[in-house]
Amino acid sequence: MGTKGGKPLSTLEKKQKKVVKEEPKKKVEKEEKREVKPIYIDESLISKAVEEVENSEYSTIFNLAQKLNVKYSIARKIVREVVNRGEAEIISKNRRVIVISSKK
């Protein structure tokens, strides 16, 4: 009938079947919730960043993120793009901070 001092086997089997059925559903729901939104950097943002760099003695990613009103990660991509285009140069680079200035 059942285990010693426990629930009958049929009840335990039913719980195990429910758990097995629910596991695939949970995984599918998590995958559906994740949507990766592509991030596009507009030319207008890059031109504003170049103006900010030219107007100041030096700029950091944090400064640009505040002035352009964008996220830090987007500002980091903008800085990389500006440096790759040759419109600014890297003064100092650390793991976290990149300091750039305009080429004069």
PDB file of N, CA and C in Angstrom:
ATOM      1  N   MET A   1       0.810  -1.200   0.000  1.00  0.00           N
ATOM      2  CA  MET A   1       0.000   0.000   0.000  1.00  0.00           C
ATOM      3  C   MET A   1       0.853   1.264   0.000  1.00  0.00           C
ATOM      4  N   GLY A   2       1.568   1.457   1.056  1.00  0.00           N
ATOM      5  CA  GLY A   2       2.327   2.680   1.134  1.00  0.00           C
ATOM      6  C   GLY A   2       3.669   2.447   1.771  1.00  0.00           C
ATOM      7  N   THR A   3       4.378   3.509   1.939  1.00  0.00           N
ATOM      8  CA  THR A   3       5.671   3.415   2.587  1.00  0.00           C
ATOM      9  C   THR A   3       5.475   3.476   4.090  1.00  0.00           C
ATOM     10  N   LYS A   4       6.485   3.132   4.841  1.00  0.00           N
ATOM     11  CA  LYS A   4       6.369   3.100   6.296  1.00  0.00           C
ATOM     12  C   LYS A   4       6.156   4.507   6.831  1.00  0.00           C
ATOM     13  N   GLY A   5       5.001   4.745   7.373  1.00  0.00           N
ATOM     14  CA  GLY A   5       4.692   6.033   7.974  1.00  0.00           C
ATOM     15  C   GLY A   5       4.554   7.165   6.979  1.00  0.00           C
ATOM     16  N   GLY A   6       4.381   6.864   5.705  1.00  0.00           N
ATOM     17  CA  GLY A   6       4.295   7.935   4.717  1.00  0.00           C
ATOM     18  C   GLY A   6       3.039   7.852   3.898  1.00  0.00           C
ATOM     19  N   LYS A   7       3.032   8.569   2.825  1.00  0.00           N
ATOM     20  CA  LYS A   7       1.864   8.589   1.951  1.00  0.00           C
ATOM     21  C   LYS A   7       1.845   7.338   1.079  1.00  0.00           C
ATOM     22  N   PRO A   8       0.696   6.990   0.571  1.00  0.00           N
ATOM     23  CA  PRO A   8       0.613   5.841  -0.333  1.00  0.00           C
ATOM     24  C   PRO A   8       1.415   6.093  -1.609  1.00  0.00           C
ATOM     25  N   LEU A   9       1.872   5.050  -2.237  1.00  0.00           N
ATOM     26  CA  LEU A   9       2.689   5.162  -3.441  1.00  0.00           C
ATOM     27  C   LEU A   9       1.956   5.867  -4.567  1.00  0.00           C
ATOM     28  N   SER A  10       0.681   5.644  -4.685  1.00  0.00           N
ATOM     29  CA  SER A  10      -0.065   6.276  -5.774  1.00  0.00           C
ATOM     30  C   SER A  10      -0.030   7.796  -5.652  1.00  0.00           C
ATOM     31  N   THR A  11      -0.079   8.325  -4.458  1.00  0.00           N
ATOM     32  CA  THR A  11      -0.024   9.769  -4.266  1.00  0.00           C
ATOM     33  C   THR A  11       1.354  10.301  -4.641  1.00  0.00           C
ATOM     34  N   LEU A  12       2.395   9.612  -4.235  1.00  0.00           N
ATOM     35  CA  LEU A  12       3.750  10.022  -4.583  1.00  0.00           C
ATOM     36  C   LEU A  12       3.976   9.981  -6.084  1.00  0.00           C
ATOM     37  N   GLU A  13       3.461   8.955  -6.731  1.00  0.00           N
ATOM     38  CA  GLU A  13       3.600   8.844  -8.189  1.00  0.00           C
ATOM     39  C   GLU A  13       2.897   9.989  -8.899  1.00  0.00           C
ATOM     40  N   LYS A  14       1.709  10.363  -8.395  1.00  0.00           N
ATOM     41  CA  LYS A  14       0.977  11.477  -9.006  1.00  0.00           C
ATOM     42  C   LYS A  14       1.762  12.775  -8.886  1.00  0.00           C
ATOM     43  N   LYS A  15       2.377  13.032  -7.739  1.00  0.00           N
ATOM     44  CA  LYS A  15       3.170  14.251  -7.562  1.00  0.00           C
ATOM     45  C   LYS A  15       4.369  14.270  -8.507  1.00  0.00           C
ATOM     46  N   GLN A  16       5.019  13.121  -8.657  1.00  0.00           N
ATOM     47  CA  GLN A  16       6.171  13.048  -9.557  1.00  0.00           C
ATOM     48  C   GLN A  16       5.762  13.314 -10.996  1.00  0.00           C
ATOM     49  N   LYS A  17       4.615  12.798 -11.406  1.00  0.00           N
ATOM     50  CA  LYS A  17       4.133  13.032 -12.773  1.00  0.00           C
ATOM     51  C   LYS A  17       3.851  14.508 -13.001  1.00  0.00           C
ATOM     52  N   LYS A  18       3.261  15.184 -11.982  1.00  0.00           N
ATOM     53  CA  LYS A  18       2.974  16.611 -12.107  1.00  0.00           C
ATOM     54  C   LYS A  18       4.270  17.406 -12.255  1.00  0.00           C
ATOM     55  N   VAL A  19       5.258  17.046 -11.449  1.00  0.00           N
ATOM     56  CA  VAL A  19       6.542  17.746 -11.504  1.00  0.00           C
ATOM     57  C   VAL A  19       7.184  17.577 -12.874  1.00  0.00           C
ATOM     58  N   VAL A  20       7.133  16.397 -13.417  1.00  0.00           N
ATOM     59  CA  VAL A  20       7.716  16.129 -14.731  1.00  0.00           C
ATOM     60  C   VAL A  20       6.996  16.926 -15.815  1.00  0.00           C
ATOM     61  N   LYS A  21       5.678  17.045 -15.710  1.00  0.00           N
ATOM     62  CA  LYS A  21       4.911  17.801 -16.705  1.00  0.00           C
ATOM     63  C   LYS A  21       5.163  19.296 -16.589  1.00  0.00           C
ATOM     64  N   GLU A  22       5.377  19.829 -15.381  1.00  0.00           N
ATOM     65  CA  GLU A  22       5.547  21.265 -15.177  1.00  0.00           C
ATOM     66  C   GLU A  22       6.935  21.755 -15.561  1.00  0.00           C
ATOM     67  N   GLU A  23       7.950  20.920 -15.490  1.00  0.00           N
ATOM     68  CA  GLU A  23       9.309  21.347 -15.800  1.00  0.00           C
ATOM     69  C   GLU A  23       9.473  21.872 -17.222  1.00  0.00           C
ATOM     70  N   PRO A  24       8.987  21.188 -18.250  1.00  0.00           N
ATOM     71  CA  PRO A  24       9.134  21.745 -19.603  1.00  0.00           C
ATOM     72  C   PRO A  24       8.369  23.058 -19.779  1.00  0.00           C
ATOM     73  N   LYS A  25       7.238  23.210 -19.133  1.00  0.00           N
ATOM     74  CA  LYS A  25       6.453  24.444 -19.255  1.00  0.00           C
ATOM     75  C   LYS A  25       7.227  25.620 -18.688  1.00  0.00           C
ATOM     76  N   LYS A  26       7.883  25.447 -17.558  1.00  0.00           N
ATOM     77  CA  LYS A  26       8.633  26.531 -16.940  1.00  0.00           C
ATOM     78  C   LYS A  26       9.779  26.977 -17.831  1.00  0.00           C
ATOM     79  N   LYS A  27      10.471  26.038 -18.444  1.00  0.00           N
ATOM     80  CA  LYS A  27      11.587  26.388 -19.315  1.00  0.00           C
ATOM     81  C   LYS A  27      11.122  27.165 -20.534  1.00  0.00           C
ATOM     82  N   VAL A  28       9.996  26.794 -21.100  1.00  0.00           N
ATOM     83  CA  VAL A  28       9.459  27.477 -22.268  1.00  0.00           C
ATOM     84  C   VAL A  28       9.053  28.900 -21.914  1.00  0.00           C
ATOM     85  N   GLU A  29       8.452  29.084 -20.750  1.00  0.00           N
ATOM     86  CA  GLU A  29       8.024  30.417 -20.343  1.00  0.00           C
ATOM     87  C   GLU A  29       9.217  31.339 -20.168  1.00  0.00           C
ATOM     88  N   LYS A  30      10.297  30.859 -19.602  1.00  0.00           N
ATOM     89  CA  LYS A  30      11.480  31.690 -19.409  1.00  0.00           C
ATOM     90  C   LYS A  30      12.074  32.108 -20.746  1.00  0.00           C
ATOM     91  N   GLU A  31      12.083  31.209 -21.696  1.00  0.00           N
ATOM     92  CA  GLU A  31      12.640  31.528 -23.009  1.00  0.00           C
ATOM     93  C   GLU A  31      11.782  32.552 -23.738  1.00  0.00           C
ATOM     94  N   GLU A  32      10.478  32.505 -23.543  1.00  0.00           N
ATOM     95  CA  GLU A  32       9.601  33.443 -24.218  1.00  0.00           C
ATOM     96  C   GLU A  32       9.744  34.848 -23.654  1.00  0.00           C
ATOM     97  N   LYS A  33      10.032  34.981 -22.380  1.00  0.00           N
ATOM     98  CA  LYS A  33      10.135  36.292 -21.751  1.00  0.00           C
ATOM     99  C   LYS A  33      11.355  37.065 -22.213  1.00  0.00           C
ATOM    100  N   ARG A  34      12.414  36.360 -22.551  1.00  0.00           N
ATOM    101  CA  ARG A  34      13.636  37.027 -22.964  1.00  0.00           C
ATOM    102  C   ARG A  34      13.519  37.499 -24.411  1.00  0.00           C
ATOM    103  N   GLU A  35      13.585  38.800 -24.546  1.00  0.00           N
ATOM    104  CA  GLU A  35      13.593  39.385 -25.881  1.00  0.00           C
ATOM    105  C   GLU A  35      14.769  40.339 -25.953  1.00  0.00           C
ATOM    106  N   VAL A  36      15.663  40.081 -26.860  1.00  0.00           N
ATOM    107  CA  VAL A  36      16.825  40.934 -27.016  1.00  0.00           C
ATOM    108  C   VAL A  36      16.474  42.033 -28.009  1.00  0.00           C
ATOM    109  N   LYS A  37      16.542  43.236 -27.513  1.00  0.00           N
ATOM    110  CA  LYS A  37      16.254  44.378 -28.379  1.00  0.00           C
ATOM    111  C   LYS A  37      17.552  44.860 -29.005  1.00  0.00           C
ATOM    112  N   PRO A  38      17.597  44.957 -30.305  1.00  0.00           N
ATOM    113  CA  PRO A  38      18.821  45.446 -30.939  1.00  0.00           C
ATOM    114  C   PRO A  38      19.021  46.926 -30.639  1.00  0.00           C
ATOM    115  N   ILE A  39      20.259  47.299 -30.385  1.00  0.00           N
ATOM    116  CA  ILE A  39      20.578  48.685 -30.065  1.00  0.00           C
ATOM    117  C   ILE A  39      21.287  49.296 -31.259  1.00  0.00           C
ATOM    118  N   TYR A  40      20.704  50.343 -31.768  1.00  0.00           N
ATOM    119  CA  TYR A  40      21.295  51.046 -32.893  1.00  0.00           C
ATOM    120  C   TYR A  40      21.768  52.416 -32.422  1.00  0.00           C
ATOM    121  N   ILE A  41      22.973  52.740 -32.797  1.00  0.00           N
ATOM    122  CA  ILE A  41      23.522  54.040 -32.446  1.00  0.00           C
ATOM    123  C   ILE A  41      23.327  54.956 -33.640  1.00  0.00           C
ATOM    124  N   ASP A  42      22.563  56.006 -33.433  1.00  0.00           N
ATOM    125  CA  ASP A  42      22.275  56.947 -34.506  1.00  0.00           C
ATOM    126  C   ASP A  42      23.473  57.846 -34.773  1.00  0.00           C
ATOM    127  N   GLU A  43      23.512  58.378 -35.969  1.00  0.00           N
ATOM    128  CA  GLU A  43      24.540  59.352 -36.321  1.00  0.00           C
ATOM    129  C   GLU A  43      24.390  60.613 -35.486  1.00  0.00           C
ATOM    130  N   SER A  44      23.156  60.942 -35.113  1.00  0.00           N
ATOM    131  CA  SER A  44      22.940  62.146 -34.309  1.00  0.00           C
ATOM    132  C   SER A  44      23.613  62.006 -32.942  1.00  0.00           C
ATOM    133  N   LEU A  45      23.554  60.816 -32.350  1.00  0.00           N
ATOM    134  CA  LEU A  45      24.213  60.602 -31.055  1.00  0.00           C
ATOM    135  C   LEU A  45      25.729  60.721 -31.191  1.00  0.00           C
ATOM    136  N   ILE A  46      26.250  60.188 -32.269  1.00  0.00           N
ATOM    137  CA  ILE A  46      27.698  60.251 -32.478  1.00  0.00           C
ATOM    138  C   ILE A  46      28.146  61.693 -32.704  1.00  0.00           C
ATOM    139  N   SER A  47      27.373  62.435 -33.479  1.00  0.00           N
ATOM    140  CA  SER A  47      27.741  63.833 -33.722  1.00  0.00           C
ATOM    141  C   SER A  47      27.646  64.663 -32.445  1.00  0.00           C
ATOM    142  N   LYS A  48      26.649  64.395 -31.615  1.00  0.00           N
ATOM    143  CA  LYS A  48      26.549  65.097 -30.324  1.00  0.00           C
ATOM    144  C   LYS A  48      27.728  64.748 -29.426  1.00  0.00           C
ATOM    145  N   ALA A  49      28.131  63.490 -29.450  1.00  0.00           N
ATOM    146  CA  ALA A  49      29.272  63.062 -28.640  1.00  0.00           C
ATOM    147  C   ALA A  49      30.554  63.745 -29.105  1.00  0.00           C
ATOM    148  N   VAL A  50      30.726  63.864 -30.413  1.00  0.00           N
ATOM    149  CA  VAL A  50      31.919  64.533 -30.946  1.00  0.00           C
ATOM    150  C   VAL A  50      31.930  65.997 -30.521  1.00  0.00           C
ATOM    151  N   GLU A  51      30.780  66.644 -30.549  1.00  0.00           N
ATOM    152  CA  GLU A  51      30.687  68.048 -30.112  1.00  0.00           C
ATOM    153  C   GLU A  51      31.045  68.179 -28.633  1.00  0.00           C
ATOM    154  N   GLU A  52      30.541  67.277 -27.810  1.00  0.00           N
ATOM    155  CA  GLU A  52      30.837  67.317 -26.379  1.00  0.00           C
ATOM    156  C   GLU A  52      32.318  67.121 -26.125  1.00  0.00           C
ATOM    157  N   VAL A  53      32.933  66.211 -26.859  1.00  0.00           N
ATOM    158  CA  VAL A  53      34.364  65.956 -26.686  1.00  0.00           C
ATOM    159  C   VAL A  53      35.170  67.165 -27.132  1.00  0.00           C
ATOM    160  N   GLU A  54      34.780  67.793 -28.221  1.00  0.00           N
ATOM    161  CA  GLU A  54      35.504  68.962 -28.719  1.00  0.00           C
ATOM    162  C   GLU A  54      35.367  70.156 -27.780  1.00  0.00           C
ATOM    163  N   ASN A  55      34.204  70.299 -27.163  1.00  0.00           N
ATOM    164  CA  ASN A  55      33.965  71.443 -26.277  1.00  0.00           C
ATOM    165  C   ASN A  55      34.650  71.295 -24.919  1.00  0.00           C
ATOM    166  N   SER A  56      34.932  70.092 -24.507  1.00  0.00           N
ATOM    167  CA  SER A  56      35.568  69.901 -23.207  1.00  0.00           C
ATOM    168  C   SER A  56      37.024  69.483 -23.388  1.00  0.00           C
ATOM    169  N   GLU A  57      37.786  69.635 -22.329  1.00  0.00           N
ATOM    170  CA  GLU A  57      39.204  69.280 -22.374  1.00  0.00           C
ATOM    171  C   GLU A  57      39.372  67.769 -22.500  1.00  0.00           C
ATOM    172  N   TYR A  58      38.555  67.041 -21.747  1.00  0.00           N
ATOM    173  CA  TYR A  58      38.537  65.584 -21.812  1.00  0.00           C
ATOM    174  C   TYR A  58      37.129  65.103 -21.484  1.00  0.00           C
ATOM    175  N   SER A  59      36.845  63.869 -21.826  1.00  0.00           N
ATOM    176  CA  SER A  59      35.542  63.284 -21.538  1.00  0.00           C
ATOM    177  C   SER A  59      35.710  61.832 -21.126  1.00  0.00           C
ATOM    178  N   THR A  60      34.779  61.398 -20.325  1.00  0.00           N
ATOM    179  CA  THR A  60      34.728  59.996 -19.933  1.00  0.00           C
ATOM    180  C   THR A  60      33.393  59.424 -20.396  1.00  0.00           C
ATOM    181  N   ILE A  61      33.261  58.126 -20.284  1.00  0.00           N
ATOM    182  CA  ILE A  61      32.007  57.481 -20.681  1.00  0.00           C
ATOM    183  C   ILE A  61      30.873  57.973 -19.804  1.00  0.00           C
ATOM    184  N   PHE A  62      31.139  58.129 -18.512  1.00  0.00           N
ATOM    185  CA  PHE A  62      30.112  58.577 -17.584  1.00  0.00           C
ATOM    186  C   PHE A  62      29.629  59.983 -17.936  1.00  0.00           C
ATOM    187  N   ASN A  63      30.564  60.881 -18.266  1.00  0.00           N
ATOM    188  CA  ASN A  63      30.177  62.242 -18.655  1.00  0.00           C
ATOM    189  C   ASN A  63      29.287  62.239 -19.892  1.00  0.00           C
ATOM    190  N   LEU A  64      29.673  61.454 -20.883  1.00  0.00           N
ATOM    191  CA  LEU A  64      28.878  61.392 -22.108  1.00  0.00           C
ATOM    192  C   LEU A  64      27.506  60.778 -21.854  1.00  0.00           C
ATOM    193  N   ALA A  65      27.443  59.773 -20.986  1.00  0.00           N
ATOM    194  CA  ALA A  65      26.160  59.147 -20.679  1.00  0.00           C
ATOM    195  C   ALA A  65      25.208  60.160 -20.053  1.00  0.00           C
ATOM    196  N   GLN A  66      25.729  61.013 -19.186  1.00  0.00           N
ATOM    197  CA  GLN A  66      24.887  62.037 -18.562  1.00  0.00           C
ATOM    198  C   GLN A  66      24.484  63.120 -19.551  1.00  0.00           C
ATOM    199  N   LYS A  67      25.417  63.582 -20.353  1.00  0.00           N
ATOM    200  CA  LYS A  67      25.133  64.685 -21.266  1.00  0.00           C
ATOM    201  C   LYS A  67      24.231  64.274 -22.421  1.00  0.00           C
ATOM    202  N   LEU A  68      24.409  63.037 -22.916  1.00  0.00           N
ATOM    203  CA  LEU A  68      23.587  62.562 -24.027  1.00  0.00           C
ATOM    204  C   LEU A  68      22.292  61.905 -23.562  1.00  0.00           C
ATOM    205  N   ASN A  69      22.194  61.701 -22.248  1.00  0.00           N
ATOM    206  CA  ASN A  69      20.994  61.114 -21.665  1.00  0.00           C
ATOM    207  C   ASN A  69      20.747  59.690 -22.188  1.00  0.00           C
ATOM    208  N   VAL A  70      21.806  58.876 -22.176  1.00  0.00           N
ATOM    209  CA  VAL A  70      21.726  57.481 -22.608  1.00  0.00           C
ATOM    210  C   VAL A  70      22.314  56.600 -21.511  1.00  0.00           C
ATOM    211  N   LYS A  71      22.130  55.287 -21.671  1.00  0.00           N
ATOM    212  CA  LYS A  71      22.692  54.352 -20.712  1.00  0.00           C
ATOM    213  C   LYS A  71      24.208  54.305 -20.847  1.00  0.00           C
ATOM    214  N   TYR A  72      24.846  53.843 -19.778  1.00  0.00           N
ATOM    215  CA  TYR A  72      26.305  53.752 -19.743  1.00  0.00           C
ATOM    216  C   TYR A  72      26.832  52.829 -20.836  1.00  0.00           C
ATOM    217  N   SER A  73      26.150  51.706 -21.053  1.00  0.00           N
ATOM    218  CA  SER A  73      26.614  50.744 -22.057  1.00  0.00           C
ATOM    219  C   SER A  73      26.549  51.337 -23.467  1.00  0.00           C
ATOM    220  N   ILE A  74      25.526  52.126 -23.733  1.00  0.00           N
ATOM    221  CA  ILE A  74      25.403  52.769 -25.046  1.00  0.00           C
ATOM    222  C   ILE A  74      26.479  53.836 -25.202  1.00  0.00           C
ATOM    223  N   ALA A  75      26.737  54.578 -24.124  1.00  0.00           N
ATOM    224  CA  ALA A  75      27.787  55.600 -24.176  1.00  0.00           C
ATOM    225  C   ALA A  75      29.141  54.957 -24.442  1.00  0.00           C
ATOM    226  N   ARG A  76      29.372  53.772 -23.891  1.00  0.00           N
ATOM    227  CA  ARG A  76      30.626  53.051 -24.128  1.00  0.00           C
ATOM    228  C   ARG A  76      30.759  52.693 -25.604  1.00  0.00           C
ATOM    229  N   LYS A  77      29.668  52.261 -26.225  1.00  0.00           N
ATOM    230  CA  LYS A  77      29.698  51.931 -27.651  1.00  0.00           C
ATOM    231  C   LYS A  77      29.932  53.177 -28.495  1.00  0.00           C
ATOM    232  N   ILE A  78      29.348  54.281 -28.081  1.00  0.00           N
ATOM    233  CA  ILE A  78      29.538  55.539 -28.810  1.00  0.00           C
ATOM    234  C   ILE A  78      30.999  55.968 -28.743  1.00  0.00           C
ATOM    235  N   VAL A  79      31.607  55.850 -27.571  1.00  0.00           N
ATOM    236  CA  VAL A  79      33.017  56.225 -27.416  1.00  0.00           C
ATOM    237  C   VAL A  79      33.894  55.358 -28.310  1.00  0.00           C
ATOM    238  N   ARG A  80      33.630  54.072 -28.340  1.00  0.00           N
ATOM    239  CA  ARG A  80      34.402  53.183 -29.218  1.00  0.00           C
ATOM    240  C   ARG A  80      34.270  53.594 -30.674  1.00  0.00           C
ATOM    241  N   GLU A  81      33.067  53.942 -31.085  1.00  0.00           N
ATOM    242  CA  GLU A  81      32.825  54.336 -32.471  1.00  0.00           C
ATOM    243  C   GLU A  81      33.547  55.642 -32.805  1.00  0.00           C
ATOM    244  N   VAL A  82      33.505  56.603 -31.890  1.00  0.00           N
ATOM    245  CA  VAL A  82      34.166  57.891 -32.109  1.00  0.00           C
ATOM    246  C   VAL A  82      35.675  57.699 -32.228  1.00  0.00           C
ATOM    247  N   VAL A  83      36.236  56.841 -31.384  1.00  0.00           N
ATOM    248  CA  VAL A  83      37.677  56.583 -31.435  1.00  0.00           C
ATOM    249  C   VAL A  83      38.042  55.836 -32.715  1.00  0.00           C
ATOM    250  N   ASN A  84      37.223  54.876 -33.116  1.00  0.00           N
ATOM    251  CA  ASN A  84      37.497  54.129 -34.354  1.00  0.00           C
ATOM    252  C   ASN A  84      37.436  55.018 -35.586  1.00  0.00           C
ATOM    253  N   ARG A  85      36.571  56.006 -35.574  1.00  0.00           N
ATOM    254  CA  ARG A  85      36.481  56.934 -36.706  1.00  0.00           C
ATOM    255  C   ARG A  85      37.655  57.908 -36.744  1.00  0.00           C
ATOM    256  N   GLY A  86      38.363  58.039 -35.645  1.00  0.00           N
ATOM    257  CA  GLY A  86      39.514  58.937 -35.607  1.00  0.00           C
ATOM    258  C   GLY A  86      39.153  60.357 -35.227  1.00  0.00           C
ATOM    259  N   GLU A  87      37.986  60.573 -34.685  1.00  0.00           N
ATOM    260  CA  GLU A  87      37.578  61.922 -34.296  1.00  0.00           C
ATOM    261  C   GLU A  87      37.987  62.256 -32.877  1.00  0.00           C
ATOM    262  N   ALA A  88      38.472  61.259 -32.135  1.00  0.00           N
ATOM    263  CA  ALA A  88      38.965  61.464 -30.773  1.00  0.00           C
ATOM    264  C   ALA A  88      40.070  60.459 -30.519  1.00  0.00           C
ATOM    265  N   GLU A  89      40.854  60.737 -29.493  1.00  0.00           N
ATOM    266  CA  GLU A  89      41.931  59.829 -29.142  1.00  0.00           C
ATOM    267  C   GLU A  89      41.831  59.461 -27.664  1.00  0.00           C
ATOM    268  N   ILE A  90      42.338  58.290 -27.346  1.00  0.00           N
ATOM    269  CA  ILE A  90      42.295  57.809 -25.970  1.00  0.00           C
ATOM    270  C   ILE A  90      43.488  58.367 -25.214  1.00  0.00           C
ATOM    271  N   ILE A  91      43.203  59.057 -24.115  1.00  0.00           N
ATOM    272  CA  ILE A  91      44.264  59.585 -23.263  1.00  0.00           C
ATOM    273  C   ILE A  91      44.694  58.518 -22.264  1.00  0.00           C
ATOM    274  N   SER A  92      43.711  57.930 -21.608  1.00  0.00           N
ATOM    275  CA  SER A  92      43.979  56.912 -20.604  1.00  0.00           C
ATOM    276  C   SER A  92      42.903  55.846 -20.685  1.00  0.00           C
ATOM    277  N   LYS A  93      43.326  54.603 -20.522  1.00  0.00           N
ATOM    278  CA  LYS A  93      42.362  53.516 -20.588  1.00  0.00           C
ATOM    279  C   LYS A  93      42.606  52.585 -19.419  1.00  0.00           C
ATOM    280  N   ASN A  94      41.525  52.275 -18.738  1.00  0.00           N
ATOM    281  CA  ASN A  94      41.547  51.370 -17.611  1.00  0.00           C
ATOM    282  C   ASN A  94      40.500  50.305 -17.859  1.00  0.00           C
ATOM    283  N   ARG A  95      40.363  49.377 -16.952  1.00  0.00           N
ATOM    284  CA  ARG A  95      39.336  48.344 -17.115  1.00  0.00           C
ATOM    285  C   ARG A  95      37.950  48.973 -17.118  1.00  0.00           C
ATOM    286  N   ARG A  96      37.748  49.984 -16.303  1.00  0.00           N
ATOM    287  CA  ARG A  96      36.436  50.623 -16.194  1.00  0.00           C
ATOM    288  C   ARG A  96      36.331  51.935 -16.937  1.00  0.00           C
ATOM    289  N   VAL A  97      37.373  52.738 -16.874  1.00  0.00           N
ATOM    290  CA  VAL A  97      37.296  54.115 -17.349  1.00  0.00           C
ATOM    291  C   VAL A  97      38.124  54.293 -18.612  1.00  0.00           C
ATOM    292  N   ILE A  98      37.523  54.960 -19.584  1.00  0.00           N
ATOM    293  CA  ILE A  98      38.235  55.383 -20.779  1.00  0.00           C
ATOM    294  C   ILE A  98      38.148  56.890 -20.839  1.00  0.00           C
ATOM    295  N   VAL A  99      39.290  57.554 -20.874  1.00  0.00           N
ATOM    296  CA  VAL A  99      39.327  59.010 -20.959  1.00  0.00           C
ATOM    297  C   VAL A  99      39.741  59.364 -22.368  1.00  0.00           C
ATOM    298  N   ILE A 100      38.922  60.188 -23.034  1.00  0.00           N
ATOM    299  CA  ILE A 100      39.217  60.579 -24.411  1.00  0.00           C
ATOM    300  C   ILE A 100      39.276  62.088 -24.535  1.00  0.00           C
ATOM    301  N   SER A 101      39.942  62.556 -25.572  1.00  0.00           N
ATOM    302  CA  SER A 101      39.957  63.991 -25.890  1.00  0.00           C
ATOM    303  C   SER A 101      39.915  64.133 -27.399  1.00  0.00           C
ATOM    304  N   SER A 102      39.577  65.317 -27.831  1.00  0.00           N
ATOM    305  CA  SER A 102      39.473  65.525 -29.278  1.00  0.00           C
ATOM    306  C   SER A 102      40.867  65.651 -29.874  1.00  0.00           C
ATOM    307  N   LYS A 103      40.976  65.258 -31.128  1.00  0.00           N
ATOM    308  CA  LYS A 103      42.247  65.406 -31.836  1.00  0.00           C
ATOM    309  C   LYS A 103      42.358  66.849 -32.293  1.00  0.00           C
ATOM    310  N   LYS A 104      43.478  67.443 -32.004  1.00  0.00           N
ATOM    311  CA  LYS A 104      43.646  68.855 -32.370  1.00  0.00           C
ATOM    312  C   LYS A 104      44.750  69.024 -33.380  1.00  0.00           C
TER     313      LYS A 104
END
